[in-house]
Amino acid sequence: MSHTRRRRSRAALATFGAVFLAAGLSACVNGEFVSNPAIDLGLEVVGLGKKDEPVAVPPPTSGAPLIVGYETTRVALPNTGPRGQSQYYVAPDGVEIAMNGSFVTRAIGLGFDLQGMYLPKDSPYTSGFVQAARENVVTDRVADYYRNGHILNDSFRCALTYVPRENGKGIVNEQCRRLFGGLGFRNTYWTEGDRVVCSLQWFHPDSTGQLQFFETAEQAQAIDLRQQGC
């Protein structure tokens, strides 16, 4: 990603975040957030809202939206159904996030282009994630992404650890390191029993922040996972 493109993306996100910080996340009705003028303005700043020309055609939706945050921004991306092993959430202008269970497998738009985060078959990411963290399992992940018009590939070795909390709650820490040098990333998942209820996930080799995922709109309104857990 060029420095100019990165600066423009961050500037748009900062403006968007400021709008949401002032307006707050709207209520959730029938699986969608009720709009208000301040929130519509924030959506238009980063190209997620209504545009006069051309008229965007919303993709067909299926099920509950994905409640996601980046820095101070909070949005609900429409659920457009499964493709392969992942569930896709796509805004009318093409911003796209895919999830395999509780884990990011694709993030397109907002200046980032993660084409695929591949989870190994029979891995703890697809079955027994919390128990694997209790057992300090080490596993692998692979990321494909675009940079300067070229698709790149990174392999990571990831170690899982578990921190128990009260009432069956816990925190899973995932520390991933590149197999061939360079920086890695760290993800955090807040759990209840064997279920992930919130998470803070790295999503692109060039990113300076992480995506925040929430189970409910109330969590998204009240919590910044960079500062506190859920």
C-alpha atoms as a PDB file:
ATOM      1  CA  MET A   1       0.000   0.000   0.000  1.00  0.00           C
ATOM      2  CA  SER A   2       1.404   3.424  -0.896  1.00  0.00           C
ATOM      3  CA  HIS A   3       1.998   6.011   1.831  1.00  0.00           C
ATOM      4  CA  THR A   4      -0.491   8.367   0.149  1.00  0.00           C
ATOM      5  CA  ARG A   5      -3.216   5.718   0.044  1.00  0.00           C
ATOM      6  CA  ARG A   6      -2.538   4.753   3.652  1.00  0.00           C
ATOM      7  CA  ARG A   7      -2.755   8.382   4.825  1.00  0.00           C
ATOM      8  CA  ARG A   8      -6.048   8.922   2.987  1.00  0.00           C
ATOM      9  CA  SER A   9      -7.497   5.742   4.438  1.00  0.00           C
ATOM     10  CA  ARG A  10      -6.475   6.642   7.977  1.00  0.00           C
ATOM     11  CA  ALA A  11      -7.808  10.187   7.604  1.00  0.00           C
ATOM     12  CA  ALA A  12     -11.177   8.868   6.447  1.00  0.00           C
ATOM     13  CA  LEU A  13     -11.299   6.375   9.289  1.00  0.00           C
ATOM     14  CA  ALA A  14     -10.410   9.048  11.826  1.00  0.00           C
ATOM     15  CA  THR A  15     -13.265  11.262  10.613  1.00  0.00           C
ATOM     16  CA  PHE A  16     -15.646   8.323  10.570  1.00  0.00           C
ATOM     17  CA  GLY A  17     -14.615   7.365  14.091  1.00  0.00           C
ATOM     18  CA  ALA A  18     -15.163  10.888  15.372  1.00  0.00           C
ATOM     19  CA  VAL A  19     -18.716  10.890  14.004  1.00  0.00           C
ATOM     20  CA  PHE A  20     -19.504   7.587  15.685  1.00  0.00           C
ATOM     21  CA  LEU A  21     -17.890   8.678  18.915  1.00  0.00           C
ATOM     22  CA  ALA A  22     -20.184  11.706  18.999  1.00  0.00           C
ATOM     23  CA  ALA A  23     -23.342  10.006  17.761  1.00  0.00           C
ATOM     24  CA  GLY A  24     -23.055   6.566  19.340  1.00  0.00           C
ATOM     25  CA  LEU A  25     -24.063   3.277  17.736  1.00  0.00           C
ATOM     26  CA  SER A  26     -27.764   3.208  16.933  1.00  0.00           C
ATOM     27  CA  ALA A  27     -30.196   0.604  18.182  1.00  0.00           C
ATOM     28  CA  CYS A  28     -30.523  -2.776  16.494  1.00  0.00           C
ATOM     29  CA  VAL A  29     -33.935  -3.570  14.983  1.00  0.00           C
ATOM     30  CA  ASN A  30     -34.681  -6.684  12.908  1.00  0.00           C
ATOM     31  CA  GLY A  31     -30.985  -7.373  12.508  1.00  0.00           C
ATOM     32  CA  GLU A  32     -30.056  -3.886  11.274  1.00  0.00           C
ATOM     33  CA  PHE A  33     -29.015  -0.689  12.988  1.00  0.00           C
ATOM     34  CA  VAL A  34     -31.500   2.142  12.873  1.00  0.00           C
ATOM     35  CA  SER A  35     -29.963   5.029  10.964  1.00  0.00           C
ATOM     36  CA  ASN A  36     -29.711   8.647  11.946  1.00  0.00           C
ATOM     37  CA  PRO A  37     -28.242  11.663  10.047  1.00  0.00           C
ATOM     38  CA  ALA A  38     -25.006  11.735  12.031  1.00  0.00           C
ATOM     39  CA  ILE A  39     -24.366   8.061  11.409  1.00  0.00           C
ATOM     40  CA  ASP A  40     -25.276   8.400   7.720  1.00  0.00           C
ATOM     41  CA  LEU A  41     -22.650  11.147   7.460  1.00  0.00           C
ATOM     42  CA  GLY A  42     -20.058   8.882   9.050  1.00  0.00           C
ATOM     43  CA  LEU A  43     -20.892   6.078   6.622  1.00  0.00           C
ATOM     44  CA  GLU A  44     -20.544   8.367   3.623  1.00  0.00           C
ATOM     45  CA  VAL A  45     -17.130   9.599   4.756  1.00  0.00           C
ATOM     46  CA  VAL A  46     -15.569   6.146   4.219  1.00  0.00           C
ATOM     47  CA  GLY A  47     -17.820   5.076   1.358  1.00  0.00           C
ATOM     48  CA  LEU A  48     -20.036   2.723   3.358  1.00  0.00           C
ATOM     49  CA  GLY A  49     -23.207   4.751   3.133  1.00  0.00           C
ATOM     50  CA  LYS A  50     -25.565   6.110   0.525  1.00  0.00           C
ATOM     51  CA  LYS A  51     -24.158   7.713  -2.615  1.00  0.00           C
ATOM     52  CA  ASP A  52     -26.013   9.786  -5.179  1.00  0.00           C
ATOM     53  CA  GLU A  53     -24.083   8.451  -8.183  1.00  0.00           C
ATOM     54  CA  PRO A  54     -24.030   5.602  -8.927  1.00  0.00           C
ATOM     55  CA  VAL A  55     -26.824   4.041  -6.880  1.00  0.00           C
ATOM     56  CA  ALA A  56     -25.409   1.052  -5.022  1.00  0.00           C
ATOM     57  CA  VAL A  57     -27.403  -2.154  -5.142  1.00  0.00           C
ATOM     58  CA  PRO A  58     -27.328  -3.813  -1.710  1.00  0.00           C
ATOM     59  CA  PRO A  59     -26.327  -7.489  -1.789  1.00  0.00           C
ATOM     60  CA  PRO A  60     -28.959  -9.985  -0.610  1.00  0.00           C
ATOM     61  CA  THR A  61     -28.727 -10.541   3.134  1.00  0.00           C
ATOM     62  CA  SER A  62     -29.070 -13.650   5.227  1.00  0.00           C
ATOM     63  CA  GLY A  63     -29.023 -13.689   9.020  1.00  0.00           C
ATOM     64  CA  ALA A  64     -27.608 -11.309  11.603  1.00  0.00           C
ATOM     65  CA  PRO A  65     -25.060  -8.621  10.651  1.00  0.00           C
ATOM     66  CA  LEU A  66     -21.419  -8.656  11.742  1.00  0.00           C
ATOM     67  CA  ILE A  67     -20.797  -6.049  14.438  1.00  0.00           C
ATOM     68  CA  VAL A  68     -17.251  -4.870  13.926  1.00  0.00           C
ATOM     69  CA  GLY A  69     -15.074  -1.982  15.034  1.00  0.00           C
ATOM     70  CA  TYR A  70     -11.831  -0.399  13.890  1.00  0.00           C
ATOM     71  CA  GLU A  71     -10.304   2.117  16.287  1.00  0.00           C
ATOM     72  CA  THR A  72     -13.338   4.284  17.302  1.00  0.00           C
ATOM     73  CA  THR A  73     -15.492   3.180  14.348  1.00  0.00           C
ATOM     74  CA  ARG A  74     -18.422   0.772  14.835  1.00  0.00           C
ATOM     75  CA  VAL A  75     -20.428  -0.661  11.932  1.00  0.00           C
ATOM     76  CA  ALA A  76     -22.795  -3.549  11.215  1.00  0.00           C
ATOM     77  CA  LEU A  77     -21.940  -5.284   7.934  1.00  0.00           C
ATOM     78  CA  PRO A  78     -24.827  -7.162   6.236  1.00  0.00           C
ATOM     79  CA  ASN A  79     -24.620 -10.953   6.272  1.00  0.00           C
ATOM     80  CA  THR A  80     -24.558 -12.142   2.643  1.00  0.00           C
ATOM     81  CA  GLY A  81     -24.260 -15.860   3.355  1.00  0.00           C
ATOM     82  CA  PRO A  82     -21.564 -18.542   3.180  1.00  0.00           C
ATOM     83  CA  ARG A  83     -18.906 -19.080   0.547  1.00  0.00           C
ATOM     84  CA  GLY A  84     -16.937 -22.228   1.155  1.00  0.00           C
ATOM     85  CA  GLN A  85     -16.054 -22.516   4.838  1.00  0.00           C
ATOM     86  CA  SER A  86     -16.496 -18.787   5.565  1.00  0.00           C
ATOM     87  CA  GLN A  87     -19.468 -16.527   6.213  1.00  0.00           C
ATOM     88  CA  TYR A  88     -19.322 -13.284   4.205  1.00  0.00           C
ATOM     89  CA  TYR A  89     -20.396  -9.803   5.297  1.00  0.00           C
ATOM     90  CA  VAL A  90     -20.459  -7.235   2.477  1.00  0.00           C
ATOM     91  CA  ALA A  91     -21.386  -3.532   2.423  1.00  0.00           C
ATOM     92  CA  PRO A  92     -23.196  -2.170  -0.674  1.00  0.00           C
ATOM     93  CA  ASP A  93     -19.985  -0.486  -1.896  1.00  0.00           C
ATOM     94  CA  GLY A  94     -17.976  -3.709  -1.679  1.00  0.00           C
ATOM     95  CA  VAL A  95     -16.254  -3.471   1.709  1.00  0.00           C
ATOM     96  CA  GLU A  96     -16.038  -7.115   2.684  1.00  0.00           C
ATOM     97  CA  ILE A  97     -15.137  -9.222   5.717  1.00  0.00           C
ATOM     98  CA  ALA A  98     -15.283 -13.011   5.880  1.00  0.00           C
ATOM     99  CA  MET A  99     -15.294 -15.077   9.048  1.00  0.00           C
ATOM    100  CA  ASN A 100     -14.665 -18.783   9.588  1.00  0.00           C
ATOM    101  CA  GLY A 101     -16.425 -19.202  12.905  1.00  0.00           C
ATOM    102  CA  SER A 102     -14.879 -16.522  15.105  1.00  0.00           C
ATOM    103  CA  PHE A 103     -11.807 -15.907  12.944  1.00  0.00           C
ATOM    104  CA  VAL A 104     -11.123 -13.370  10.175  1.00  0.00           C
ATOM    105  CA  THR A 105     -10.356 -15.034   6.840  1.00  0.00           C
ATOM    106  CA  ARG A 106     -10.740 -12.042   4.477  1.00  0.00           C
ATOM    107  CA  ALA A 107     -10.816  -8.240   4.762  1.00  0.00           C
ATOM    108  CA  ILE A 108     -11.265  -6.084   1.645  1.00  0.00           C
ATOM    109  CA  GLY A 109     -11.728  -2.308   1.619  1.00  0.00           C
ATOM    110  CA  LEU A 110     -10.959   0.640   3.904  1.00  0.00           C
ATOM    111  CA  GLY A 111      -7.505   0.662   2.326  1.00  0.00           C
ATOM    112  CA  PHE A 112      -6.677  -2.978   3.132  1.00  0.00           C
ATOM    113  CA  ASP A 113      -6.612  -6.098   0.983  1.00  0.00           C
ATOM    114  CA  LEU A 114      -6.296  -9.380   2.884  1.00  0.00           C
ATOM    115  CA  GLN A 115      -7.279 -11.960   0.276  1.00  0.00           C
ATOM    116  CA  GLY A 116      -7.239 -14.939   2.579  1.00  0.00           C
ATOM    117  CA  MET A 117      -6.196 -16.036   6.071  1.00  0.00           C
ATOM    118  CA  TYR A 118      -6.139 -19.807   5.778  1.00  0.00           C
ATOM    119  CA  LEU A 119      -6.760 -22.033   8.772  1.00  0.00           C
ATOM    120  CA  PRO A 120      -5.319 -25.567   8.614  1.00  0.00           C
ATOM    121  CA  LYS A 121      -7.797 -28.453   8.362  1.00  0.00           C
ATOM    122  CA  ASP A 122      -8.599 -30.185  11.663  1.00  0.00           C
ATOM    123  CA  SER A 123      -7.058 -27.218  13.466  1.00  0.00           C
ATOM    124  CA  PRO A 124      -8.194 -25.781  16.813  1.00  0.00           C
ATOM    125  CA  TYR A 125      -9.615 -22.805  14.900  1.00  0.00           C
ATOM    126  CA  THR A 126     -12.362 -24.986  13.473  1.00  0.00           C
ATOM    127  CA  SER A 127     -12.901 -27.308  16.457  1.00  0.00           C
ATOM    128  CA  GLY A 128     -12.016 -27.119  20.153  1.00  0.00           C
ATOM    129  CA  PHE A 129     -10.352 -23.707  20.136  1.00  0.00           C
ATOM    130  CA  VAL A 130     -10.694 -22.935  23.858  1.00  0.00           C
ATOM    131  CA  GLN A 131      -9.637 -26.433  24.929  1.00  0.00           C
ATOM    132  CA  ALA A 132      -6.622 -26.211  22.616  1.00  0.00           C
ATOM    133  CA  ALA A 133      -5.658 -22.942  24.313  1.00  0.00           C
ATOM    134  CA  ARG A 134      -5.941 -24.654  27.715  1.00  0.00           C
ATOM    135  CA  GLU A 135      -3.451 -27.226  26.397  1.00  0.00           C
ATOM    136  CA  ASN A 136      -1.077 -24.555  24.976  1.00  0.00           C
ATOM    137  CA  VAL A 137      -1.353 -25.898  21.437  1.00  0.00           C
ATOM    138  CA  VAL A 138       0.930 -24.553  18.691  1.00  0.00           C
ATOM    139  CA  THR A 139      -0.473 -24.431  15.154  1.00  0.00           C
ATOM    140  CA  ASP A 140       0.021 -22.682  11.788  1.00  0.00           C
ATOM    141  CA  ARG A 141      -1.720 -20.001   9.743  1.00  0.00           C
ATOM    142  CA  VAL A 142      -1.128 -18.686   6.212  1.00  0.00           C
ATOM    143  CA  ALA A 143      -2.078 -15.239   4.847  1.00  0.00           C
ATOM    144  CA  ASP A 144      -2.370 -14.101   1.211  1.00  0.00           C
ATOM    145  CA  TYR A 145      -2.578 -10.350   0.607  1.00  0.00           C
ATOM    146  CA  TYR A 146      -1.919  -7.696  -2.021  1.00  0.00           C
ATOM    147  CA  ARG A 147       0.803  -5.077  -1.717  1.00  0.00           C
ATOM    148  CA  ASN A 148       1.702  -2.688  -4.540  1.00  0.00           C
ATOM    149  CA  GLY A 149      -0.189  -4.767  -7.075  1.00  0.00           C
ATOM    150  CA  HIS A 150       1.467  -8.059  -6.147  1.00  0.00           C
ATOM    151  CA  ILE A 151       0.001 -10.895  -4.110  1.00  0.00           C
ATOM    152  CA  LEU A 152       2.227 -11.967  -1.236  1.00  0.00           C
ATOM    153  CA  ASN A 153       2.147 -14.967   1.059  1.00  0.00           C
ATOM    154  CA  ASP A 154       3.103 -15.187   4.721  1.00  0.00           C
ATOM    155  CA  SER A 155       3.261 -18.250   6.960  1.00  0.00           C
ATOM    156  CA  PHE A 156       2.933 -17.995  10.733  1.00  0.00           C
ATOM    157  CA  ARG A 157       3.477 -20.308  13.689  1.00  0.00           C
ATOM    158  CA  CYS A 158       0.859 -19.526  16.349  1.00  0.00           C
ATOM    159  CA  ALA A 159       0.903 -20.428  20.052  1.00  0.00           C
ATOM    160  CA  LEU A 160      -2.345 -20.444  22.064  1.00  0.00           C
ATOM    161  CA  THR A 161      -2.581 -19.800  25.814  1.00  0.00           C
ATOM    162  CA  TYR A 162      -5.584 -19.578  28.136  1.00  0.00           C
ATOM    163  CA  VAL A 163      -6.174 -17.294  31.126  1.00  0.00           C
ATOM    164  CA  PRO A 164      -9.163 -18.408  33.266  1.00  0.00           C
ATOM    165  CA  ARG A 165     -11.587 -15.898  34.768  1.00  0.00           C
ATOM    166  CA  GLU A 166     -14.599 -16.213  37.062  1.00  0.00           C
ATOM    167  CA  ASN A 167     -17.884 -17.943  36.153  1.00  0.00           C
ATOM    168  CA  GLY A 168     -16.489 -20.042  33.319  1.00  0.00           C
ATOM    169  CA  LYS A 169     -15.108 -17.059  31.447  1.00  0.00           C
ATOM    170  CA  GLY A 170     -11.597 -16.829  30.061  1.00  0.00           C
ATOM    171  CA  ILE A 171      -9.176 -15.101  27.707  1.00  0.00           C
ATOM    172  CA  VAL A 172      -7.368 -16.833  24.853  1.00  0.00           C
ATOM    173  CA  ASN A 173      -4.145 -15.182  23.719  1.00  0.00           C
ATOM    174  CA  GLU A 174      -2.802 -16.084  20.281  1.00  0.00           C
ATOM    175  CA  GLN A 175       0.806 -15.142  19.542  1.00  0.00           C
ATOM    176  CA  CYS A 176       1.843 -15.647  15.895  1.00  0.00           C
ATOM    177  CA  ARG A 177       5.325 -15.257  14.443  1.00  0.00           C
ATOM    178  CA  ARG A 178       6.409 -15.286  10.801  1.00  0.00           C
ATOM    179  CA  LEU A 179       8.229 -18.486   9.921  1.00  0.00           C
ATOM    180  CA  PHE A 180      10.804 -16.639   7.816  1.00  0.00           C
ATOM    181  CA  GLY A 181      11.566 -13.571   9.889  1.00  0.00           C
ATOM    182  CA  GLY A 182       9.827 -10.269  10.354  1.00  0.00           C
ATOM    183  CA  LEU A 183       7.117  -9.201  12.754  1.00  0.00           C
ATOM    184  CA  GLY A 184       4.156 -11.323  13.690  1.00  0.00           C
ATOM    185  CA  PHE A 185       0.884 -10.480  15.406  1.00  0.00           C
ATOM    186  CA  ARG A 186      -1.110 -11.094  18.566  1.00  0.00           C
ATOM    187  CA  ASN A 187      -4.854 -11.716  18.847  1.00  0.00           C
ATOM    188  CA  THR A 188      -7.045 -11.790  21.948  1.00  0.00           C
ATOM    189  CA  TYR A 189     -10.351 -13.652  22.355  1.00  0.00           C
ATOM    190  CA  TRP A 190     -12.738 -13.281  25.305  1.00  0.00           C
ATOM    191  CA  THR A 191     -14.637 -16.498  25.961  1.00  0.00           C
ATOM    192  CA  GLU A 192     -17.560 -17.880  27.924  1.00  0.00           C
ATOM    193  CA  GLY A 193     -17.248 -21.637  28.238  1.00  0.00           C
ATOM    194  CA  ASP A 194     -16.131 -22.796  24.786  1.00  0.00           C
ATOM    195  CA  ARG A 195     -17.631 -19.805  22.974  1.00  0.00           C
ATOM    196  CA  VAL A 196     -15.814 -16.671  21.745  1.00  0.00           C
ATOM    197  CA  VAL A 197     -17.943 -13.617  22.625  1.00  0.00           C
ATOM    198  CA  CYS A 198     -15.578 -10.776  21.660  1.00  0.00           C
ATOM    199  CA  SER A 199     -12.223 -10.593  19.938  1.00  0.00           C
ATOM    200  CA  LEU A 200      -9.461  -8.227  18.918  1.00  0.00           C
ATOM    201  CA  GLN A 201      -7.869  -9.542  15.716  1.00  0.00           C
ATOM    202  CA  TRP A 202      -4.981  -8.491  13.488  1.00  0.00           C
ATOM    203  CA  PHE A 203      -6.140  -8.603   9.881  1.00  0.00           C
ATOM    204  CA  HIS A 204      -3.431  -7.417   7.497  1.00  0.00           C
ATOM    205  CA  PRO A 205       0.379  -7.423   7.348  1.00  0.00           C
ATOM    206  CA  ASP A 206       0.380  -3.657   6.649  1.00  0.00           C
ATOM    207  CA  SER A 207      -2.212  -2.693   9.250  1.00  0.00           C
ATOM    208  CA  THR A 208      -1.410  -0.576  12.268  1.00  0.00           C
ATOM    209  CA  GLY A 209      -4.490  -1.633  14.217  1.00  0.00           C
ATOM    210  CA  GLN A 210      -6.830  -4.545  14.758  1.00  0.00           C
ATOM    211  CA  LEU A 211     -10.473  -5.290  14.069  1.00  0.00           C
ATOM    212  CA  GLN A 212     -12.804  -5.562  17.055  1.00  0.00           C
ATOM    213  CA  PHE A 213     -15.653  -8.090  16.918  1.00  0.00           C
ATOM    214  CA  PHE A 214     -18.676  -7.948  19.204  1.00  0.00           C
ATOM    215  CA  GLU A 215     -21.544 -10.316  19.869  1.00  0.00           C
ATOM    216  CA  THR A 216     -24.067  -7.561  20.589  1.00  0.00           C
ATOM    217  CA  ALA A 217     -24.667  -3.901  19.740  1.00  0.00           C
ATOM    218  CA  GLU A 218     -24.598  -3.095  23.461  1.00  0.00           C
ATOM    219  CA  GLN A 219     -21.021  -4.379  23.707  1.00  0.00           C
ATOM    220  CA  ALA A 220     -20.003  -2.327  20.686  1.00  0.00           C
ATOM    221  CA  GLN A 221     -21.459   0.830  22.236  1.00  0.00           C
ATOM    222  CA  ALA A 222     -19.863   0.349  25.643  1.00  0.00           C
ATOM    223  CA  ILE A 223     -16.486  -1.290  25.010  1.00  0.00           C
ATOM    224  CA  ASP A 224     -13.200  -0.511  23.300  1.00  0.00           C
ATOM    225  CA  LEU A 225     -11.382  -3.854  23.310  1.00  0.00           C
ATOM    226  CA  ARG A 226      -8.049  -2.070  23.046  1.00  0.00           C
ATOM    227  CA  GLN A 227      -8.679  -0.758  26.544  1.00  0.00           C
ATOM    228  CA  GLN A 228     -10.837  -3.390  28.271  1.00  0.00           C
ATOM    229  CA  GLY A 229     -12.301  -6.843  27.759  1.00  0.00           C
ATOM    230  CA  CYS A 230     -15.895  -7.971  27.544  1.00  0.00           C
END
